[in-house]
């Protein structure tokens, strides 16, 4: 029976925390951009929100991959 790799698990949990933060920041940024569409910083704020949303999706996949690798990796 394989033991859980704790270092990899903690790394995956840190990624998961970053994912949750980005999951709140991205919709807020996109909402603020659409709410203030007359403002001169409309496009940069919208781009920031879209980049955060894409990063949340990518980091979410990475965190799940890392956590499952901590549990099921047979490298030892």
Protein backbone atom coordinates (compact mmCIF):
# COMPACT_ATOMS: atom_id res chain seq x y z
CA UNK A 1 0.00 0.00 0.00
CA UNK A 2 1.46 3.33 -1.10
CA UNK A 3 1.79 6.20 1.31
CA UNK A 4 0.56 9.68 0.50
CA UNK A 5 3.30 12.05 -0.60
CA UNK A 6 2.70 14.91 1.85
CA UNK A 7 4.90 17.46 0.09
CA UNK A 8 3.03 17.00 -3.17
CA UNK A 9 -0.30 17.09 -1.34
CA UNK A 10 0.57 20.40 0.34
CA UNK A 11 1.65 21.82 -3.01
CA UNK A 12 -1.68 20.77 -4.51
CA UNK A 13 -3.57 22.36 -1.64
CA UNK A 14 -1.66 25.62 -2.13
CA UNK A 15 -2.62 25.52 -5.81
CA UNK A 16 -6.21 24.91 -4.77
CA UNK A 17 -6.17 27.96 -2.49
CA UNK A 18 -4.85 30.05 -5.38
CA UNK A 19 -7.63 28.67 -7.56
CA UNK A 20 -10.29 29.70 -5.07
CA UNK A 21 -8.83 33.21 -4.81
CA UNK A 22 -8.79 33.58 -8.60
CA UNK A 23 -12.35 32.22 -8.80
CA UNK A 24 -13.48 35.22 -6.74
CA UNK A 25 -11.19 37.85 -8.28
CA UNK A 26 -11.98 37.05 -11.93
CA UNK A 27 -15.78 37.52 -11.86
CA UNK A 28 -15.37 40.63 -9.71
CA UNK A 29 -12.96 42.15 -12.23
CA UNK A 30 -15.16 41.29 -15.19
CA UNK A 31 -18.24 42.65 -13.43
CA UNK A 32 -16.48 45.91 -12.56
CA UNK A 33 -15.31 46.29 -16.15
CA UNK A 34 -18.81 45.85 -17.57
CA UNK A 35 -20.34 48.09 -14.89
CA UNK A 36 -17.95 50.93 -15.76
CA UNK A 37 -17.88 50.56 -19.54
CA UNK A 38 -17.54 54.34 -20.01
CA UNK A 39 -14.32 54.51 -17.97
CA UNK A 40 -10.99 54.79 -19.83
CA UNK A 41 -9.61 51.71 -18.00
CA UNK A 42 -12.49 49.52 -19.22
CA UNK A 43 -10.37 47.40 -21.59
CA UNK A 44 -7.41 46.80 -19.21
CA UNK A 45 -9.74 45.79 -16.35
CA UNK A 46 -11.68 43.48 -18.66
CA UNK A 47 -8.46 41.89 -19.92
CA UNK A 48 -7.29 41.47 -16.32
CA UNK A 49 -10.55 39.72 -15.44
CA UNK A 50 -10.37 37.40 -18.44
CA UNK A 51 -6.74 36.50 -17.69
CA UNK A 52 -7.67 35.76 -14.07
CA UNK A 53 -10.54 33.55 -15.23
CA UNK A 54 -8.27 31.60 -17.57
CA UNK A 55 -5.65 31.29 -14.82
CA UNK A 56 -8.31 30.00 -12.40
CA UNK A 57 -9.30 27.27 -14.86
CA UNK A 58 -5.69 26.26 -15.57
CA UNK A 59 -4.71 26.34 -11.89
CA UNK A 60 -7.80 24.31 -11.04
CA UNK A 61 -6.75 21.53 -13.39
CA UNK A 62 -3.18 21.71 -12.09
CA UNK A 63 -4.30 21.51 -8.48
CA UNK A 64 -6.51 18.46 -9.09
CA UNK A 65 -3.70 16.79 -11.04
CA UNK A 66 -1.20 17.48 -8.26
CA UNK A 67 -3.51 16.27 -5.50
CA UNK A 68 -4.33 13.04 -7.33
CA UNK A 69 -0.63 12.50 -8.01
CA UNK A 70 0.01 12.80 -4.27
CA UNK A 71 -2.48 10.04 -3.55
CA UNK A 72 -1.98 7.65 -6.45
CA UNK A 73 1.58 8.15 -7.72
CA UNK A 74 3.58 4.91 -7.49
CA UNK A 75 7.01 6.52 -7.98
CA UNK A 76 8.40 5.32 -4.65
